Amino acid sequence: MTMQDVSLWLRAHPRAVPAVVVAWCGGLLGFGLYLQHVVGLEPCPMCIVQRYALVGVALLAAWALVLPGRGRTLMLVLAAVMAAAGAFVAARQSWLQWFPPEVLTCGRDFYGLIESLPLRRAIPLIFRGSGDCTAVDWTWLGLTIANWSFLNFVALLGVILAALAWGRAR
């Protein structure tokens, strides 16, 4: 399959990218809930911020599914911005895990701001956390949750930007 074939397929199916992004984010959020409620890992404040970013990307992509033309493009641009923000937080957490500071801090003030939003009351089980941002409680293939989160945010960003660059969001 060539890039031209992919381009033609995406042009024929303009809602394919937002649908994939929504499913991808849903899978990542589901896995995070599995790690929290089944495995017993408590998410740290930076993990909670990354969950918010994933929810934001998913909601914006879902909105892109129902909007036509420029509305879809705008929602995908906003989803790309949200994915970039999530990648930034995941990169910062990865940095903190590789080079833990002398005084443990991982953005509790920002977390307190997010915690005061009404969304906290709506779905408290998803966004409750108390872990340490520098702790490495789980790895797979040598990468931590923060590392995998960063890679997924970058991949989501890449998929969204590729769709926008190819003009498939219209």
Protein backbone atom coordinates (compact mmCIF):
# COMPACT_ATOMS: atom_id res chain seq x y z
CA MET A 1 0.00 0.00 0.00
CA THR A 2 1.48 3.33 -1.06
CA MET A 3 1.06 6.75 0.55
CA GLN A 4 -1.21 7.68 -2.32
CA ASP A 5 -3.46 4.71 -1.49
CA VAL A 6 -3.58 5.79 2.14
CA SER A 7 -4.33 9.35 1.08
CA LEU A 8 -7.18 8.21 -1.18
CA TRP A 9 -8.60 5.98 1.52
CA LEU A 10 -8.49 8.78 4.09
CA ARG A 11 -10.12 11.16 1.65
CA ALA A 12 -12.96 8.66 1.18
CA HIS A 13 -13.25 8.15 4.97
CA PRO A 14 -12.71 11.58 6.62
CA ARG A 15 -13.98 10.39 10.00
CA ALA A 16 -11.52 7.50 10.20
CA VAL A 17 -8.76 9.43 12.00
CA PRO A 18 -11.02 10.92 14.69
CA ALA A 19 -12.59 7.49 15.26
CA VAL A 20 -9.19 5.85 15.64
CA VAL A 21 -8.06 8.60 18.02
CA VAL A 22 -11.19 8.19 20.19
CA ALA A 23 -10.73 4.41 20.36
CA TRP A 24 -7.00 4.77 21.06
CA CYS A 25 -7.60 7.20 23.94
CA GLY A 26 -10.36 4.99 25.31
CA GLY A 27 -8.02 2.01 25.32
CA LEU A 28 -5.29 3.96 27.11
CA LEU A 29 -7.73 5.29 29.71
CA GLY A 30 -9.11 1.79 30.21
CA PHE A 31 -5.61 0.41 30.73
CA GLY A 32 -4.88 3.18 33.23
CA LEU A 33 -8.02 2.27 35.17
CA TYR A 34 -6.98 -1.40 35.05
CA LEU A 35 -3.56 -0.53 36.49
CA GLN A 36 -5.23 1.56 39.19
CA HIS A 37 -8.17 -0.62 40.24
CA VAL A 38 -6.98 -4.16 39.42
CA VAL A 39 -3.20 -3.99 39.78
CA GLY A 40 -3.42 -1.46 42.62
CA LEU A 41 -1.10 1.28 41.32
CA GLU A 42 -2.04 4.72 42.63
CA PRO A 43 -1.66 7.43 39.98
CA CYS A 44 0.46 10.44 40.83
CA PRO A 45 -0.61 14.05 40.17
CA MET A 46 1.19 14.11 36.81
CA CYS A 47 -0.56 10.86 35.83
CA ILE A 48 -3.87 12.53 36.62
CA VAL A 49 -2.97 15.49 34.40
CA GLN A 50 -2.11 13.03 31.62
CA ARG A 51 -5.52 11.40 32.07
CA TYR A 52 -7.16 14.79 31.68
CA ALA A 53 -5.15 15.32 28.51
CA LEU A 54 -6.27 11.93 27.15
CA VAL A 55 -9.89 12.70 27.97
CA GLY A 56 -9.48 16.07 26.26
CA VAL A 57 -8.01 14.50 23.11
CA ALA A 58 -10.79 11.89 23.06
CA LEU A 59 -13.58 14.44 23.54
CA LEU A 60 -12.20 16.78 20.88
CA ALA A 61 -11.76 13.88 18.45
CA ALA A 62 -15.30 12.69 19.22
CA TRP A 63 -16.56 16.17 18.48
CA ALA A 64 -14.59 16.07 15.23
CA LEU A 65 -16.55 12.94 14.31
CA VAL A 66 -19.82 14.84 14.20
CA LEU A 67 -18.68 18.20 12.82
CA PRO A 68 -18.21 18.79 9.10
CA GLY A 69 -15.42 20.64 7.31
CA ARG A 70 -13.74 23.44 9.20
CA GLY A 71 -15.35 22.42 12.48
CA ARG A 72 -13.70 19.00 12.19
CA THR A 73 -10.39 20.65 11.34
CA LEU A 74 -10.62 22.97 14.35
CA MET A 75 -11.41 20.11 16.72
CA LEU A 76 -8.47 18.10 15.40
CA VAL A 77 -6.14 21.09 15.79
CA LEU A 78 -7.31 21.46 19.39
CA ALA A 79 -6.86 17.71 19.93
CA ALA A 80 -3.31 18.06 18.60
CA VAL A 81 -2.63 20.87 21.08
CA MET A 82 -4.03 18.74 23.91
CA ALA A 83 -1.88 15.77 22.82
CA ALA A 84 1.19 18.02 22.78
CA ALA A 85 0.38 19.19 26.31
CA GLY A 86 0.01 15.58 27.44
CA ALA A 87 3.33 14.71 25.82
CA PHE A 88 4.97 17.60 27.65
CA VAL A 89 3.68 16.41 31.05
CA ALA A 90 4.69 12.81 30.30
CA ALA A 91 8.16 13.97 29.21
CA ARG A 92 8.53 15.98 32.40
CA GLN A 93 7.48 12.98 34.50
CA SER A 94 9.94 10.75 32.62
CA TRP A 95 12.67 13.30 33.33
CA LEU A 96 11.75 13.31 37.03
CA GLN A 97 11.91 9.50 37.08
CA TRP A 98 15.34 9.44 35.43
CA PHE A 99 16.72 12.31 37.55
CA PRO A 100 14.73 12.44 40.80
CA PRO A 101 15.03 15.79 42.62
CA GLU A 102 16.37 16.07 46.16
CA VAL A 103 13.01 17.43 47.35
CA LEU A 104 10.08 15.39 46.09
CA THR A 105 7.63 17.57 44.19
CA CYS A 106 5.73 16.92 41.01
CA GLY A 107 3.39 19.79 40.50
CA ARG A 108 0.98 19.42 43.40
CA ASP A 109 -0.07 23.09 43.06
CA PHE A 110 -1.20 22.53 39.46
CA TYR A 111 -2.87 19.31 40.54
CA GLY A 112 -4.72 21.24 43.26
CA LEU A 113 -6.02 23.62 40.60
CA ILE A 114 -7.27 20.74 38.47
CA GLU A 115 -8.69 18.96 41.51
CA SER A 116 -10.94 21.94 42.26
CA LEU A 117 -12.71 21.76 38.88
CA PRO A 118 -16.28 20.41 38.82
CA LEU A 119 -15.14 17.40 36.78
CA ARG A 120 -13.58 16.05 39.97
CA ARG A 121 -17.01 15.56 41.49
CA ALA A 122 -18.44 14.02 38.32
CA ILE A 123 -15.99 11.16 37.93
CA PRO A 124 -13.86 10.93 41.08
CA LEU A 125 -12.80 7.32 40.64
CA ILE A 126 -10.97 8.06 37.40
CA PHE A 127 -9.09 11.09 38.63
CA ARG A 128 -8.17 10.20 42.22
CA GLY A 129 -4.46 9.81 42.82
CA SER A 130 -1.85 10.08 45.50
CA GLY A 131 1.32 8.44 44.20
CA ASP A 132 4.82 9.89 43.88
CA CYS A 133 5.66 11.20 40.39
CA THR A 134 9.27 10.00 40.59
CA ALA A 135 8.36 6.43 41.59
CA VAL A 136 8.67 3.68 39.00
CA ASP A 137 6.00 1.15 39.99
CA TRP A 138 5.54 -0.62 36.66
CA THR A 139 7.59 -1.20 33.52
CA TRP A 140 7.11 -3.03 30.26
CA LEU A 141 9.94 -3.59 27.79
CA GLY A 142 12.10 -1.42 30.02
CA LEU A 143 9.83 1.65 29.79
CA THR A 144 7.79 3.19 32.58
CA ILE A 145 4.15 4.25 32.38
CA ALA A 146 5.30 7.85 31.85
CA ASN A 147 7.57 6.73 28.98
CA TRP A 148 4.72 4.80 27.32
CA SER A 149 2.39 7.73 27.89
CA PHE A 150 4.85 10.07 26.17
CA LEU A 151 5.21 7.70 23.20
CA ASN A 152 1.42 7.39 22.88
CA PHE A 153 0.87 11.15 23.05
CA VAL A 154 3.55 11.71 20.40
CA ALA A 155 2.01 8.99 18.20
CA LEU A 156 -1.48 10.49 18.62
CA LEU A 157 -0.08 13.90 17.78
CA GLY A 158 1.63 12.46 14.70
CA VAL A 159 -1.55 10.77 13.46
CA ILE A 160 -3.61 13.92 13.96
CA LEU A 161 -1.03 16.18 12.32
CA ALA A 162 -0.63 13.78 9.39
CA ALA A 163 -4.39 13.79 8.85
CA LEU A 164 -4.44 17.59 9.01
CA ALA A 165 -1.48 17.87 6.64
CA TRP A 166 -3.13 15.58 4.13
CA GLY A 167 -6.28 17.66 4.39
CA ARG A 168 -8.34 14.68 5.52
CA ALA A 169 -10.07 16.59 8.27
CA ARG A 170 -12.29 18.44 5.82
